[in-house]
Amino acid sequence: MLPLERMARISEQNKKANPNFNYTSNLFSDEVPSGGEPATELREFWALLNQSKWMYDAASDSWWRYIDESNPATAGELHPTIDRLTGRQLQFENVILMFAEHVVIRPTIVDINLSPGNEGKAYLFRDGKMYDIKWSTVATAYQQKTGRGQPMHFLNPDGTPAALKPGKTWVILYSLDSYLEEEDSGIFRARFVPPFGAKLD
């Protein structure tokens, strides 16, 4: 909700690394966690003309991204998302679907509540599986002891750290009324439900 010029100034003012911030808040492990459900595809449905999906590729142990053209004539037809710098399709080792409170400020401006002290439901997709996890910005014991900040962290339902796969992570942020359903064996569909008062098109 800031003008781009103001964001640029803030970025310049914060160029130096914050020595009081510790970025090591999450657990990464090559070992595939126990449990989870088989998952080969995650479809994102934001709107008719805004759809995308992730497909698991066992050879690379990563998730490959596909998007649509936002064209009414080809709605739902997806093609690989290509990185224009490399010419390669985007692929990520982890895809995390998060659910958080969306507060409508104006019909086209929505604030997502990820402030300190909160947590919520999430799903982790890695290694061809889907895991129930949760996201958290609640201060860890380390933060309380040292006073140093840490990024959001991801936890298993029992509160232990959720193991992300080493590599890149893509995070999807959905509203609290949104949901995930299994359409077919291993094929999941995440449906975004806009918060009341938000502009739909």
C-alpha atoms as a PDB file:
ATOM      1  CA  MET A   1       0.000   0.000   0.000  1.00  0.00           C
ATOM      2  CA  LEU A   2       3.042   2.250  -0.513  1.00  0.00           C
ATOM      3  CA  PRO A   3       3.902   4.247  -3.647  1.00  0.00           C
ATOM      4  CA  LEU A   4       6.718   2.604  -5.611  1.00  0.00           C
ATOM      5  CA  GLU A   5       8.948   5.649  -5.068  1.00  0.00           C
ATOM      6  CA  ARG A   6       8.587   5.264  -1.291  1.00  0.00           C
ATOM      7  CA  MET A   7       9.363   1.549  -1.522  1.00  0.00           C
ATOM      8  CA  ALA A   8      12.511   2.351  -3.511  1.00  0.00           C
ATOM      9  CA  ARG A   9      13.650   4.826  -0.829  1.00  0.00           C
ATOM     10  CA  ILE A  10      13.022   2.299   1.945  1.00  0.00           C
ATOM     11  CA  SER A  11      14.982  -0.304  -0.013  1.00  0.00           C
ATOM     12  CA  GLU A  12      17.933   2.076  -0.351  1.00  0.00           C
ATOM     13  CA  GLN A  13      17.831   2.853   3.381  1.00  0.00           C
ATOM     14  CA  ASN A  14      17.907  -0.856   4.231  1.00  0.00           C
ATOM     15  CA  LYS A  15      20.656  -1.997   1.867  1.00  0.00           C
ATOM     16  CA  LYS A  16      23.002  -3.028   4.639  1.00  0.00           C
ATOM     17  CA  ALA A  17      22.383  -6.440   6.136  1.00  0.00           C
ATOM     18  CA  ASN A  18      20.699  -6.365   9.526  1.00  0.00           C
ATOM     19  CA  PRO A  19      23.186  -7.941  11.967  1.00  0.00           C
ATOM     20  CA  ASN A  20      20.334  -8.534  14.402  1.00  0.00           C
ATOM     21  CA  PHE A  21      18.450 -10.793  12.001  1.00  0.00           C
ATOM     22  CA  ASN A  22      19.071 -14.545  11.693  1.00  0.00           C
ATOM     23  CA  TYR A  23      17.823 -16.063   8.433  1.00  0.00           C
ATOM     24  CA  THR A  24      18.196 -19.700   9.549  1.00  0.00           C
ATOM     25  CA  SER A  25      14.670 -20.314  10.811  1.00  0.00           C
ATOM     26  CA  ASN A  26      13.677 -23.339   8.727  1.00  0.00           C
ATOM     27  CA  LEU A  27      14.766 -26.951   8.522  1.00  0.00           C
ATOM     28  CA  PHE A  28      16.020 -28.332   5.197  1.00  0.00           C
ATOM     29  CA  SER A  29      16.612 -32.030   4.623  1.00  0.00           C
ATOM     30  CA  ASP A  30      17.212 -34.310   1.632  1.00  0.00           C
ATOM     31  CA  GLU A  31      15.489 -37.095   3.538  1.00  0.00           C
ATOM     32  CA  VAL A  32      11.862 -37.458   2.470  1.00  0.00           C
ATOM     33  CA  PRO A  33       9.624 -36.952   5.537  1.00  0.00           C
ATOM     34  CA  SER A  34       7.433 -39.839   6.609  1.00  0.00           C
ATOM     35  CA  GLY A  35       3.703 -39.696   6.013  1.00  0.00           C
ATOM     36  CA  GLY A  36       2.165 -37.336   3.507  1.00  0.00           C
ATOM     37  CA  GLU A  37      -0.112 -38.132   0.592  1.00  0.00           C
ATOM     38  CA  PRO A  38       1.026 -38.949  -2.956  1.00  0.00           C
ATOM     39  CA  ALA A  39       0.833 -35.821  -5.122  1.00  0.00           C
ATOM     40  CA  THR A  40       1.743 -35.392  -8.763  1.00  0.00           C
ATOM     41  CA  GLU A  41      -0.123 -32.200  -9.636  1.00  0.00           C
ATOM     42  CA  LEU A  42      -1.277 -29.027  -7.884  1.00  0.00           C
ATOM     43  CA  ARG A  43      -3.732 -26.871  -9.805  1.00  0.00           C
ATOM     44  CA  GLU A  44      -4.226 -23.223  -8.787  1.00  0.00           C
ATOM     45  CA  PHE A  45      -7.601 -21.731  -9.651  1.00  0.00           C
ATOM     46  CA  TRP A  46      -7.688 -18.012  -8.905  1.00  0.00           C
ATOM     47  CA  ALA A  47     -10.305 -17.134 -11.533  1.00  0.00           C
ATOM     48  CA  LEU A  48     -11.395 -18.349 -14.974  1.00  0.00           C
ATOM     49  CA  LEU A  49      -8.693 -16.254 -16.650  1.00  0.00           C
ATOM     50  CA  ASN A  50      -6.090 -16.765 -13.947  1.00  0.00           C
ATOM     51  CA  GLN A  51      -5.104 -20.404 -13.623  1.00  0.00           C
ATOM     52  CA  SER A  52      -1.793 -22.206 -13.166  1.00  0.00           C
ATOM     53  CA  LYS A  53      -0.454 -25.529 -12.021  1.00  0.00           C
ATOM     54  CA  TRP A  54       2.566 -27.425 -10.754  1.00  0.00           C
ATOM     55  CA  MET A  55       3.512 -30.880 -12.003  1.00  0.00           C
ATOM     56  CA  TYR A  56       5.934 -33.100 -10.149  1.00  0.00           C
ATOM     57  CA  ASP A  57       8.886 -34.395 -12.167  1.00  0.00           C
ATOM     58  CA  ALA A  58      10.447 -37.427 -10.506  1.00  0.00           C
ATOM     59  CA  ALA A  59      13.637 -37.237 -12.607  1.00  0.00           C
ATOM     60  CA  SER A  60      14.541 -33.813 -11.201  1.00  0.00           C
ATOM     61  CA  ASP A  61      12.722 -34.216  -7.845  1.00  0.00           C
ATOM     62  CA  SER A  62      11.095 -30.841  -8.440  1.00  0.00           C
ATOM     63  CA  TRP A  63       7.819 -29.166  -9.347  1.00  0.00           C
ATOM     64  CA  TRP A  64       7.458 -27.599 -12.806  1.00  0.00           C
ATOM     65  CA  ARG A  65       5.232 -24.552 -13.280  1.00  0.00           C
ATOM     66  CA  TYR A  66       2.565 -23.973 -15.946  1.00  0.00           C
ATOM     67  CA  ILE A  67       0.361 -20.890 -16.523  1.00  0.00           C
ATOM     68  CA  ASP A  68      -2.447 -19.707 -18.775  1.00  0.00           C
ATOM     69  CA  GLU A  69      -2.611 -16.784 -21.209  1.00  0.00           C
ATOM     70  CA  SER A  70      -5.483 -14.919 -19.480  1.00  0.00           C
ATOM     71  CA  ASN A  71      -7.347 -15.242 -22.770  1.00  0.00           C
ATOM     72  CA  PRO A  72     -11.106 -16.044 -22.762  1.00  0.00           C
ATOM     73  CA  ALA A  73     -10.683 -18.115 -25.927  1.00  0.00           C
ATOM     74  CA  THR A  74      -8.106 -20.409 -24.282  1.00  0.00           C
ATOM     75  CA  ALA A  75      -9.217 -20.330 -20.631  1.00  0.00           C
ATOM     76  CA  GLY A  76      -7.752 -23.258 -18.730  1.00  0.00           C
ATOM     77  CA  GLU A  77      -5.146 -24.106 -21.364  1.00  0.00           C
ATOM     78  CA  LEU A  78      -1.771 -24.074 -19.629  1.00  0.00           C
ATOM     79  CA  HIS A  79       1.761 -23.919 -20.982  1.00  0.00           C
ATOM     80  CA  PRO A  80       5.224 -24.031 -19.365  1.00  0.00           C
ATOM     81  CA  THR A  81       6.329 -20.910 -17.487  1.00  0.00           C
ATOM     82  CA  ILE A  82       9.666 -19.924 -19.018  1.00  0.00           C
ATOM     83  CA  ASP A  83      12.365 -17.884 -17.287  1.00  0.00           C
ATOM     84  CA  ARG A  84      13.209 -15.206 -19.853  1.00  0.00           C
ATOM     85  CA  LEU A  85      16.788 -14.950 -18.562  1.00  0.00           C
ATOM     86  CA  THR A  86      17.591 -18.645 -18.961  1.00  0.00           C
ATOM     87  CA  GLY A  87      14.992 -19.871 -21.446  1.00  0.00           C
ATOM     88  CA  ARG A  88      14.213 -22.746 -19.070  1.00  0.00           C
ATOM     89  CA  GLN A  89      10.940 -23.747 -17.454  1.00  0.00           C
ATOM     90  CA  LEU A  90      10.547 -22.683 -13.830  1.00  0.00           C
ATOM     91  CA  GLN A  91      11.025 -25.535 -11.384  1.00  0.00           C
ATOM     92  CA  PHE A  92      11.014 -25.525  -7.595  1.00  0.00           C
ATOM     93  CA  GLU A  93      11.868 -28.180  -5.029  1.00  0.00           C
ATOM     94  CA  ASN A  94       9.166 -26.999  -2.613  1.00  0.00           C
ATOM     95  CA  VAL A  95       5.723 -25.526  -3.238  1.00  0.00           C
ATOM     96  CA  ILE A  96       3.894 -24.254  -0.148  1.00  0.00           C
ATOM     97  CA  LEU A  97       0.207 -23.320  -0.150  1.00  0.00           C
ATOM     98  CA  MET A  98      -0.582 -20.999   2.780  1.00  0.00           C
ATOM     99  CA  PHE A  99      -3.895 -19.724   4.126  1.00  0.00           C
ATOM    100  CA  ALA A 100      -3.936 -16.345   5.871  1.00  0.00           C
ATOM    101  CA  GLU A 101      -6.376 -13.578   6.757  1.00  0.00           C
ATOM    102  CA  HIS A 102      -6.993 -11.153   3.863  1.00  0.00           C
ATOM    103  CA  VAL A 103      -8.191  -7.707   4.967  1.00  0.00           C
ATOM    104  CA  VAL A 104      -9.768  -5.578   2.247  1.00  0.00           C
ATOM    105  CA  ILE A 105      -8.567  -1.967   2.510  1.00  0.00           C
ATOM    106  CA  ARG A 106     -10.094  -0.963  -0.811  1.00  0.00           C
ATOM    107  CA  PRO A 107     -11.570  -3.211  -3.547  1.00  0.00           C
ATOM    108  CA  THR A 108      -8.182  -3.444  -5.289  1.00  0.00           C
ATOM    109  CA  ILE A 109      -5.970  -3.275  -2.168  1.00  0.00           C
ATOM    110  CA  VAL A 110      -5.851  -6.230   0.203  1.00  0.00           C
ATOM    111  CA  ASP A 111      -3.627  -6.536   3.267  1.00  0.00           C
ATOM    112  CA  ILE A 112      -2.508 -10.085   4.133  1.00  0.00           C
ATOM    113  CA  ASN A 113      -2.008 -10.596   7.851  1.00  0.00           C
ATOM    114  CA  LEU A 114       1.409 -12.221   8.315  1.00  0.00           C
ATOM    115  CA  SER A 115       2.411 -10.017  11.228  1.00  0.00           C
ATOM    116  CA  PRO A 116       4.447 -11.371  14.167  1.00  0.00           C
ATOM    117  CA  GLY A 117       2.618 -13.663  16.567  1.00  0.00           C
ATOM    118  CA  ASN A 118       0.390 -15.371  13.996  1.00  0.00           C
ATOM    119  CA  GLU A 119       0.166 -18.833  12.502  1.00  0.00           C
ATOM    120  CA  GLY A 120      -2.066 -20.659  10.074  1.00  0.00           C
ATOM    121  CA  LYS A 121      -2.729 -23.712   7.943  1.00  0.00           C
ATOM    122  CA  ALA A 122      -0.461 -24.669   5.064  1.00  0.00           C
ATOM    123  CA  TYR A 123       0.414 -27.557   2.775  1.00  0.00           C
ATOM    124  CA  LEU A 124       3.910 -28.544   1.681  1.00  0.00           C
ATOM    125  CA  PHE A 125       4.449 -30.219  -1.686  1.00  0.00           C
ATOM    126  CA  ARG A 126       7.843 -31.914  -2.037  1.00  0.00           C
ATOM    127  CA  ASP A 127       9.208 -35.160  -3.465  1.00  0.00           C
ATOM    128  CA  GLY A 128       5.873 -36.075  -5.040  1.00  0.00           C
ATOM    129  CA  LYS A 129       3.984 -35.825  -1.753  1.00  0.00           C
ATOM    130  CA  MET A 130       1.685 -33.386   0.027  1.00  0.00           C
ATOM    131  CA  TYR A 131       2.063 -32.720   3.757  1.00  0.00           C
ATOM    132  CA  ASP A 132      -0.217 -30.919   6.217  1.00  0.00           C
ATOM    133  CA  ILE A 133       1.896 -28.250   7.905  1.00  0.00           C
ATOM    134  CA  LYS A 134       1.422 -24.777   9.351  1.00  0.00           C
ATOM    135  CA  TRP A 135       3.167 -21.449   8.946  1.00  0.00           C
ATOM    136  CA  SER A 136       4.166 -19.411  11.976  1.00  0.00           C
ATOM    137  CA  THR A 137       5.461 -15.951  12.825  1.00  0.00           C
ATOM    138  CA  VAL A 138       5.290 -16.710  16.570  1.00  0.00           C
ATOM    139  CA  ALA A 139       8.645 -15.971  18.202  1.00  0.00           C
ATOM    140  CA  THR A 140      10.761 -19.091  18.608  1.00  0.00           C
ATOM    141  CA  ALA A 141      12.663 -19.931  21.803  1.00  0.00           C
ATOM    142  CA  TYR A 142      15.803 -18.700  20.020  1.00  0.00           C
ATOM    143  CA  GLN A 143      14.173 -15.353  19.214  1.00  0.00           C
ATOM    144  CA  GLN A 144      12.906 -14.950  22.771  1.00  0.00           C
ATOM    145  CA  LYS A 145      16.344 -15.735  24.198  1.00  0.00           C
ATOM    146  CA  THR A 146      18.476 -13.634  21.825  1.00  0.00           C
ATOM    147  CA  GLY A 147      16.088 -10.906  20.702  1.00  0.00           C
ATOM    148  CA  ARG A 148      17.171 -11.546  17.095  1.00  0.00           C
ATOM    149  CA  GLY A 149      14.563 -11.627  14.353  1.00  0.00           C
ATOM    150  CA  GLN A 150      13.928 -14.635  12.115  1.00  0.00           C
ATOM    151  CA  PRO A 151      11.803 -15.218   8.993  1.00  0.00           C
ATOM    152  CA  MET A 152       8.499 -17.055   9.004  1.00  0.00           C
ATOM    153  CA  HIS A 153       8.961 -20.724   9.818  1.00  0.00           C
ATOM    154  CA  PHE A 154       7.067 -23.860   8.871  1.00  0.00           C
ATOM    155  CA  LEU A 155       6.005 -26.519  11.363  1.00  0.00           C
ATOM    156  CA  ASN A 156       4.484 -29.968  11.437  1.00  0.00           C
ATOM    157  CA  PRO A 157       1.084 -30.292  13.166  1.00  0.00           C
ATOM    158  CA  ASP A 158       2.880 -31.404  16.363  1.00  0.00           C
ATOM    159  CA  GLY A 159       4.972 -28.212  16.434  1.00  0.00           C
ATOM    160  CA  THR A 160       8.258 -29.740  15.268  1.00  0.00           C
ATOM    161  CA  PRO A 161      10.020 -28.093  12.289  1.00  0.00           C
ATOM    162  CA  ALA A 162       8.675 -29.174   8.890  1.00  0.00           C
ATOM    163  CA  ALA A 163      11.521 -30.381   6.670  1.00  0.00           C
ATOM    164  CA  LEU A 164      11.755 -28.504   3.385  1.00  0.00           C
ATOM    165  CA  LYS A 165      13.771 -29.974   0.543  1.00  0.00           C
ATOM    166  CA  PRO A 166      17.062 -28.145  -0.101  1.00  0.00           C
ATOM    167  CA  GLY A 167      16.576 -25.853  -3.086  1.00  0.00           C
ATOM    168  CA  LYS A 168      14.037 -23.247  -4.128  1.00  0.00           C
ATOM    169  CA  THR A 169      10.629 -22.683  -2.516  1.00  0.00           C
ATOM    170  CA  TRP A 170       7.532 -21.099  -4.114  1.00  0.00           C
ATOM    171  CA  VAL A 171       4.860 -19.817  -1.716  1.00  0.00           C
ATOM    172  CA  ILE A 172       1.187 -19.420  -2.671  1.00  0.00           C
ATOM    173  CA  LEU A 173      -0.943 -17.186  -0.416  1.00  0.00           C
ATOM    174  CA  TYR A 174      -4.670 -17.911  -0.266  1.00  0.00           C
ATOM    175  CA  SER A 175      -7.471 -16.398   1.814  1.00  0.00           C
ATOM    176  CA  LEU A 176      -8.945 -18.213   4.815  1.00  0.00           C
ATOM    177  CA  ASP A 177     -12.105 -19.147   2.884  1.00  0.00           C
ATOM    178  CA  SER A 178     -10.076 -20.745   0.094  1.00  0.00           C
ATOM    179  CA  TYR A 179      -9.618 -24.499   0.064  1.00  0.00           C
ATOM    180  CA  LEU A 180      -7.675 -27.472  -1.300  1.00  0.00           C
ATOM    181  CA  GLU A 181      -9.366 -30.588  -2.650  1.00  0.00           C
ATOM    182  CA  GLU A 182      -8.172 -33.793  -4.262  1.00  0.00           C
ATOM    183  CA  GLU A 183      -9.781 -34.102  -7.707  1.00  0.00           C
ATOM    184  CA  ASP A 184      -8.231 -37.434  -8.579  1.00  0.00           C
ATOM    185  CA  SER A 185      -5.541 -39.683  -7.175  1.00  0.00           C
ATOM    186  CA  GLY A 186      -2.544 -37.425  -6.551  1.00  0.00           C
ATOM    187  CA  ILE A 187      -4.122 -34.447  -8.327  1.00  0.00           C
ATOM    188  CA  PHE A 188      -4.997 -31.517  -6.064  1.00  0.00           C
ATOM    189  CA  ARG A 189      -6.887 -28.326  -6.857  1.00  0.00           C
ATOM    190  CA  ALA A 190      -6.512 -25.168  -4.797  1.00  0.00           C
ATOM    191  CA  ARG A 191      -9.466 -22.809  -5.216  1.00  0.00           C
ATOM    192  CA  PHE A 192      -9.046 -19.156  -4.250  1.00  0.00           C
ATOM    193  CA  VAL A 193     -12.076 -17.508  -2.644  1.00  0.00           C
ATOM    194  CA  PRO A 194     -11.695 -13.705  -2.652  1.00  0.00           C
ATOM    195  CA  PRO A 195     -12.337 -11.899   0.629  1.00  0.00           C
ATOM    196  CA  PHE A 196     -15.595  -9.965   0.938  1.00  0.00           C
ATOM    197  CA  GLY A 197     -15.291  -6.542  -0.658  1.00  0.00           C
ATOM    198  CA  ALA A 198     -12.399  -7.355  -2.990  1.00  0.00           C
ATOM    199  CA  LYS A 199     -12.712  -6.610  -6.686  1.00  0.00           C
ATOM    200  CA  LEU A 200     -13.182  -9.893  -8.557  1.00  0.00           C
ATOM    201  CA  ASP A 201     -11.928  -8.964 -12.035  1.00  0.00           C
END
